[in-house]
Amino acid sequence: MVLDSDVRTHDSLQTNLKNAIERALTLETWVSSSRERIASKSFISRHTQFGSVDEFCVASPCDDDTIGGVQQLSADERDAFVARTTDFETWAEMKESAAVEDLVTLQNI
């Protein structure tokens, strides 16, 4: 009988763990400095009223229909928009959730 399972060796587990730790350590920097990409399309589709990041930006109350434009809104205005249109109460909560989900998905851990 042939088992078709993905058996991980010590080396592959160590490499995956090292990569996950490195990504986790850079998570806060990524979350706080992201000006171009806030979340994947699938994250936006699952957790907001929109089908894409572009739709999210266009619907936001900012003049520049980009993530950078959204980030230029006052914290209160941005958080109110997020609370109204997403599963989150604040912009920071949404960004952190997107980053964590991205980390977990990419590392498959």
N, C-alpha and C. Protein backbone atom coordinates (compact mmCIF):
# COMPACT_ATOMS: atom_id res chain seq x y z
N MET A 1 0.85 -1.18 0.00
CA MET A 1 0.00 0.00 0.00
C MET A 1 0.89 1.24 0.00
N VAL A 2 0.56 2.17 -0.84
CA VAL A 2 1.32 3.42 -0.93
C VAL A 2 0.53 4.51 -0.23
N LEU A 3 1.19 5.16 0.69
CA LEU A 3 0.56 6.27 1.39
C LEU A 3 0.90 7.56 0.66
N ASP A 4 -0.10 8.26 0.28
CA ASP A 4 0.11 9.51 -0.44
C ASP A 4 -0.07 10.69 0.52
N SER A 5 0.76 10.72 1.53
CA SER A 5 0.65 11.82 2.49
C SER A 5 1.94 12.62 2.48
N ASP A 6 1.83 13.84 2.85
CA ASP A 6 2.96 14.74 2.86
C ASP A 6 3.69 14.60 4.19
N VAL A 7 4.68 13.73 4.20
CA VAL A 7 5.45 13.50 5.41
C VAL A 7 6.53 14.56 5.49
N ARG A 8 6.55 15.25 6.61
CA ARG A 8 7.54 16.31 6.78
C ARG A 8 8.73 15.77 7.56
N THR A 9 9.90 16.12 7.07
CA THR A 9 11.11 15.72 7.77
C THR A 9 11.48 16.79 8.78
N HIS A 10 12.42 16.47 9.62
CA HIS A 10 12.89 17.43 10.62
C HIS A 10 13.36 18.71 9.93
N ASP A 11 14.10 18.56 8.82
CA ASP A 11 14.61 19.74 8.11
C ASP A 11 13.50 20.59 7.53
N SER A 12 12.48 19.96 6.93
CA SER A 12 11.40 20.76 6.35
C SER A 12 10.59 21.45 7.43
N LEU A 13 10.37 20.77 8.56
CA LEU A 13 9.66 21.41 9.66
C LEU A 13 10.46 22.57 10.22
N GLN A 14 11.75 22.38 10.35
CA GLN A 14 12.60 23.45 10.87
C GLN A 14 12.60 24.64 9.92
N THR A 15 12.67 24.39 8.63
CA THR A 15 12.65 25.46 7.65
C THR A 15 11.31 26.20 7.69
N ASN A 16 10.20 25.46 7.73
CA ASN A 16 8.88 26.09 7.81
C ASN A 16 8.72 26.90 9.07
N LEU A 17 9.18 26.36 10.19
CA LEU A 17 9.09 27.09 11.46
C LEU A 17 9.94 28.34 11.42
N LYS A 18 11.14 28.25 10.89
CA LYS A 18 12.02 29.43 10.77
C LYS A 18 11.35 30.50 9.91
N ASN A 19 10.79 30.10 8.78
CA ASN A 19 10.11 31.06 7.90
C ASN A 19 8.91 31.70 8.60
N ALA A 20 8.15 30.90 9.33
CA ALA A 20 6.98 31.42 10.05
C ALA A 20 7.41 32.42 11.12
N ILE A 21 8.47 32.11 11.83
CA ILE A 21 8.96 33.02 12.88
C ILE A 21 9.45 34.31 12.26
N GLU A 22 10.19 34.23 11.17
CA GLU A 22 10.67 35.44 10.50
C GLU A 22 9.51 36.30 10.03
N ARG A 23 8.49 35.69 9.46
CA ARG A 23 7.32 36.44 8.99
C ARG A 23 6.56 37.05 10.16
N ALA A 24 6.46 36.30 11.26
CA ALA A 24 5.77 36.82 12.44
C ALA A 24 6.51 38.02 13.01
N LEU A 25 7.83 37.97 13.01
CA LEU A 25 8.61 39.08 13.54
C LEU A 25 8.48 40.33 12.68
N THR A 26 8.22 40.16 11.40
CA THR A 26 8.06 41.32 10.51
C THR A 26 6.59 41.72 10.38
N LEU A 27 5.70 40.97 11.01
CA LEU A 27 4.26 41.24 10.89
C LEU A 27 3.90 42.65 11.32
N GLU A 28 4.38 43.09 12.47
CA GLU A 28 4.03 44.43 12.96
C GLU A 28 4.51 45.51 11.99
N THR A 29 5.70 45.35 11.45
CA THR A 29 6.20 46.31 10.48
C THR A 29 5.33 46.32 9.24
N TRP A 30 4.97 45.14 8.76
CA TRP A 30 4.13 45.04 7.56
C TRP A 30 2.77 45.68 7.82
N VAL A 31 2.18 45.38 8.98
CA VAL A 31 0.86 45.91 9.29
C VAL A 31 0.90 47.42 9.41
N SER A 32 1.90 47.95 10.10
CA SER A 32 1.92 49.39 10.35
C SER A 32 2.38 50.21 9.15
N SER A 33 3.14 49.61 8.23
CA SER A 33 3.67 50.41 7.12
C SER A 33 3.04 50.11 5.77
N SER A 34 2.09 49.22 5.72
CA SER A 34 1.48 48.86 4.44
C SER A 34 0.78 50.05 3.81
N ARG A 35 1.21 50.41 2.61
CA ARG A 35 0.60 51.51 1.90
C ARG A 35 0.05 51.06 0.55
N GLU A 36 0.34 49.85 0.17
CA GLU A 36 -0.12 49.37 -1.14
C GLU A 36 -1.04 48.16 -1.03
N ARG A 37 -0.74 47.28 -0.14
CA ARG A 37 -1.52 46.04 -0.04
C ARG A 37 -1.97 45.86 1.40
N ILE A 38 -3.23 45.79 1.60
CA ILE A 38 -3.74 45.61 2.95
C ILE A 38 -4.22 44.19 3.18
N ALA A 39 -4.77 43.56 2.16
CA ALA A 39 -5.33 42.23 2.33
C ALA A 39 -5.48 41.56 0.97
N SER A 40 -5.60 40.25 1.03
CA SER A 40 -5.83 39.52 -0.22
C SER A 40 -7.27 39.72 -0.68
N LYS A 41 -7.49 39.43 -1.94
CA LYS A 41 -8.85 39.54 -2.49
C LYS A 41 -9.80 38.61 -1.75
N SER A 42 -9.34 37.40 -1.43
CA SER A 42 -10.21 36.47 -0.72
C SER A 42 -10.55 36.97 0.68
N PHE A 43 -9.59 37.61 1.36
CA PHE A 43 -9.86 38.17 2.69
C PHE A 43 -10.92 39.27 2.57
N ILE A 44 -10.75 40.16 1.60
CA ILE A 44 -11.71 41.25 1.40
C ILE A 44 -13.09 40.68 1.08
N SER A 45 -13.15 39.67 0.24
CA SER A 45 -14.45 39.07 -0.12
C SER A 45 -15.14 38.43 1.08
N ARG A 46 -14.36 37.79 1.94
CA ARG A 46 -14.93 37.10 3.10
C ARG A 46 -15.31 38.04 4.24
N HIS A 47 -14.58 39.13 4.42
CA HIS A 47 -14.75 39.94 5.62
C HIS A 47 -15.28 41.35 5.38
N THR A 48 -15.60 41.68 4.13
CA THR A 48 -16.14 43.01 3.85
C THR A 48 -17.33 42.90 2.90
N GLN A 49 -17.92 44.04 2.59
CA GLN A 49 -19.02 44.09 1.63
C GLN A 49 -18.52 44.16 0.19
N PHE A 50 -17.21 44.06 -0.02
CA PHE A 50 -16.62 44.31 -1.32
C PHE A 50 -15.96 43.06 -1.89
N GLY A 51 -15.80 43.05 -3.20
CA GLY A 51 -15.19 41.92 -3.88
C GLY A 51 -13.71 42.07 -4.13
N SER A 52 -13.17 43.26 -3.88
CA SER A 52 -11.75 43.48 -4.11
C SER A 52 -11.26 44.66 -3.27
N VAL A 53 -9.96 44.76 -3.16
CA VAL A 53 -9.36 45.90 -2.44
C VAL A 53 -9.70 47.19 -3.18
N ASP A 54 -9.69 47.16 -4.50
CA ASP A 54 -10.03 48.36 -5.28
C ASP A 54 -11.45 48.84 -4.96
N GLU A 55 -12.41 47.91 -4.90
CA GLU A 55 -13.79 48.29 -4.57
C GLU A 55 -13.86 48.88 -3.16
N PHE A 56 -13.13 48.30 -2.23
CA PHE A 56 -13.07 48.81 -0.87
C PHE A 56 -12.56 50.26 -0.87
N CYS A 57 -11.49 50.52 -1.61
CA CYS A 57 -10.90 51.86 -1.66
C CYS A 57 -11.83 52.86 -2.34
N VAL A 58 -12.46 52.47 -3.43
CA VAL A 58 -13.38 53.35 -4.14
C VAL A 58 -14.57 53.73 -3.26
N ALA A 59 -15.06 52.79 -2.48
CA ALA A 59 -16.21 53.06 -1.61
C ALA A 59 -15.86 53.88 -0.38
N SER A 60 -14.59 53.94 -0.05
CA SER A 60 -14.17 54.68 1.14
C SER A 60 -14.37 56.18 0.94
N PRO A 61 -14.45 56.93 2.03
CA PRO A 61 -14.68 58.37 1.92
C PRO A 61 -13.41 59.19 1.64
N CYS A 62 -12.42 58.59 1.00
CA CYS A 62 -11.19 59.33 0.71
C CYS A 62 -11.19 59.84 -0.73
N ASP A 63 -10.36 60.83 -1.01
CA ASP A 63 -10.26 61.40 -2.35
C ASP A 63 -9.44 60.52 -3.29
N ASP A 64 -8.41 59.89 -2.76
CA ASP A 64 -7.53 59.04 -3.54
C ASP A 64 -7.98 57.59 -3.33
N ASP A 65 -8.46 56.95 -4.37
CA ASP A 65 -9.04 55.60 -4.26
C ASP A 65 -7.97 54.52 -4.18
N THR A 66 -7.08 54.65 -3.19
CA THR A 66 -6.02 53.68 -2.96
C THR A 66 -5.92 53.39 -1.47
N ILE A 67 -5.17 52.36 -1.11
CA ILE A 67 -4.93 52.08 0.30
C ILE A 67 -4.26 53.28 0.96
N GLY A 68 -3.33 53.91 0.26
CA GLY A 68 -2.69 55.11 0.79
C GLY A 68 -3.71 56.20 1.08
N GLY A 69 -4.70 56.36 0.20
CA GLY A 69 -5.75 57.34 0.42
C GLY A 69 -6.58 57.00 1.64
N VAL A 70 -6.90 55.73 1.80
CA VAL A 70 -7.67 55.29 2.98
C VAL A 70 -6.87 55.58 4.25
N GLN A 71 -5.57 55.32 4.20
CA GLN A 71 -4.74 55.55 5.37
C GLN A 71 -4.59 57.04 5.69
N GLN A 72 -4.85 57.91 4.74
CA GLN A 72 -4.76 59.35 4.98
C GLN A 72 -6.00 59.90 5.69
N LEU A 73 -7.07 59.12 5.73
CA LEU A 73 -8.27 59.55 6.45
C LEU A 73 -7.95 59.69 7.94
N SER A 74 -8.73 60.49 8.63
CA SER A 74 -8.55 60.55 10.08
C SER A 74 -8.87 59.18 10.66
N ALA A 75 -8.28 58.86 11.78
CA ALA A 75 -8.49 57.55 12.40
C ALA A 75 -9.97 57.29 12.66
N ASP A 76 -10.69 58.31 13.13
CA ASP A 76 -12.12 58.14 13.42
C ASP A 76 -12.92 57.86 12.15
N GLU A 77 -12.63 58.61 11.08
CA GLU A 77 -13.35 58.42 9.82
C GLU A 77 -13.05 57.05 9.22
N ARG A 78 -11.80 56.66 9.25
CA ARG A 78 -11.38 55.36 8.71
C ARG A 78 -12.01 54.23 9.52
N ASP A 79 -11.97 54.33 10.86
CA ASP A 79 -12.55 53.28 11.70
C ASP A 79 -14.06 53.19 11.52
N ALA A 80 -14.72 54.32 11.34
CA ALA A 80 -16.17 54.32 11.12
C ALA A 80 -16.50 53.60 9.81
N PHE A 81 -15.73 53.85 8.77
CA PHE A 81 -15.93 53.19 7.48
C PHE A 81 -15.72 51.69 7.62
N VAL A 82 -14.65 51.29 8.29
CA VAL A 82 -14.36 49.87 8.50
C VAL A 82 -15.47 49.21 9.30
N ALA A 83 -15.91 49.85 10.37
CA ALA A 83 -16.96 49.28 11.21
C ALA A 83 -18.28 49.12 10.44
N ARG A 84 -18.56 50.05 9.53
CA ARG A 84 -19.79 50.02 8.74
C ARG A 84 -19.77 48.97 7.64
N THR A 85 -18.60 48.67 7.10
CA THR A 85 -18.53 47.87 5.87
C THR A 85 -17.77 46.55 6.00
N THR A 86 -17.26 46.25 7.19
CA THR A 86 -16.47 45.02 7.35
C THR A 86 -16.89 44.28 8.61
N ASP A 87 -16.23 43.17 8.86
CA ASP A 87 -16.45 42.38 10.08
C ASP A 87 -15.65 42.93 11.26
N PHE A 88 -14.99 44.05 11.09
CA PHE A 88 -14.08 44.58 12.10
C PHE A 88 -14.56 45.94 12.61
N GLU A 89 -14.11 46.29 13.79
CA GLU A 89 -14.48 47.57 14.38
C GLU A 89 -13.50 48.69 14.03
N THR A 90 -12.24 48.32 13.79
CA THR A 90 -11.21 49.34 13.52
C THR A 90 -10.34 48.92 12.35
N TRP A 91 -9.69 49.93 11.77
CA TRP A 91 -8.72 49.72 10.69
C TRP A 91 -7.57 48.84 11.18
N ALA A 92 -7.07 49.12 12.39
CA ALA A 92 -5.95 48.34 12.93
C ALA A 92 -6.34 46.87 13.09
N GLU A 93 -7.54 46.62 13.56
CA GLU A 93 -8.00 45.24 13.73
C GLU A 93 -8.09 44.54 12.38
N MET A 94 -8.59 45.23 11.37
CA MET A 94 -8.70 44.63 10.04
C MET A 94 -7.32 44.33 9.47
N LYS A 95 -6.39 45.28 9.56
CA LYS A 95 -5.04 45.07 9.04
C LYS A 95 -4.33 43.93 9.74
N GLU A 96 -4.46 43.87 11.05
CA GLU A 96 -3.80 42.80 11.79
C GLU A 96 -4.39 41.44 11.43
N SER A 97 -5.70 41.35 11.33
CA SER A 97 -6.34 40.09 10.96
C SER A 97 -5.93 39.65 9.56
N ALA A 98 -5.85 40.60 8.64
CA ALA A 98 -5.43 40.27 7.27
C ALA A 98 -3.99 39.77 7.25
N ALA A 99 -3.14 40.42 8.02
CA ALA A 99 -1.73 40.01 8.05
C ALA A 99 -1.57 38.64 8.69
N VAL A 100 -2.27 38.39 9.78
CA VAL A 100 -2.18 37.09 10.44
C VAL A 100 -2.72 36.00 9.52
N GLU A 101 -3.85 36.26 8.88
CA GLU A 101 -4.42 35.27 7.96
C GLU A 101 -3.45 35.00 6.82
N ASP A 102 -2.83 36.03 6.31
CA ASP A 102 -1.84 35.89 5.24
C ASP A 102 -0.67 35.04 5.71
N LEU A 103 -0.20 35.31 6.91
CA LEU A 103 0.92 34.56 7.47
C LEU A 103 0.57 33.09 7.61
N VAL A 104 -0.58 32.80 8.16
CA VAL A 104 -1.00 31.41 8.37
C VAL A 104 -1.21 30.71 7.04
N THR A 105 -1.86 31.38 6.11
CA THR A 105 -2.13 30.79 4.80
C THR A 105 -0.83 30.48 4.05
N LEU A 106 0.07 31.43 4.03
CA LEU A 106 1.31 31.25 3.28
C LEU A 106 2.21 30.20 3.91
N GLN A 107 2.18 30.11 5.20
CA GLN A 107 3.03 29.13 5.88
C GLN A 107 2.36 27.77 6.01
N ASN A 108 1.04 27.73 5.80
CA ASN A 108 0.27 26.49 5.90
C ASN A 108 0.55 25.77 7.21
N ILE A 109 0.52 26.55 8.28
CA ILE A 109 0.78 25.99 9.62
C ILE A 109 -0.50 26.06 10.42
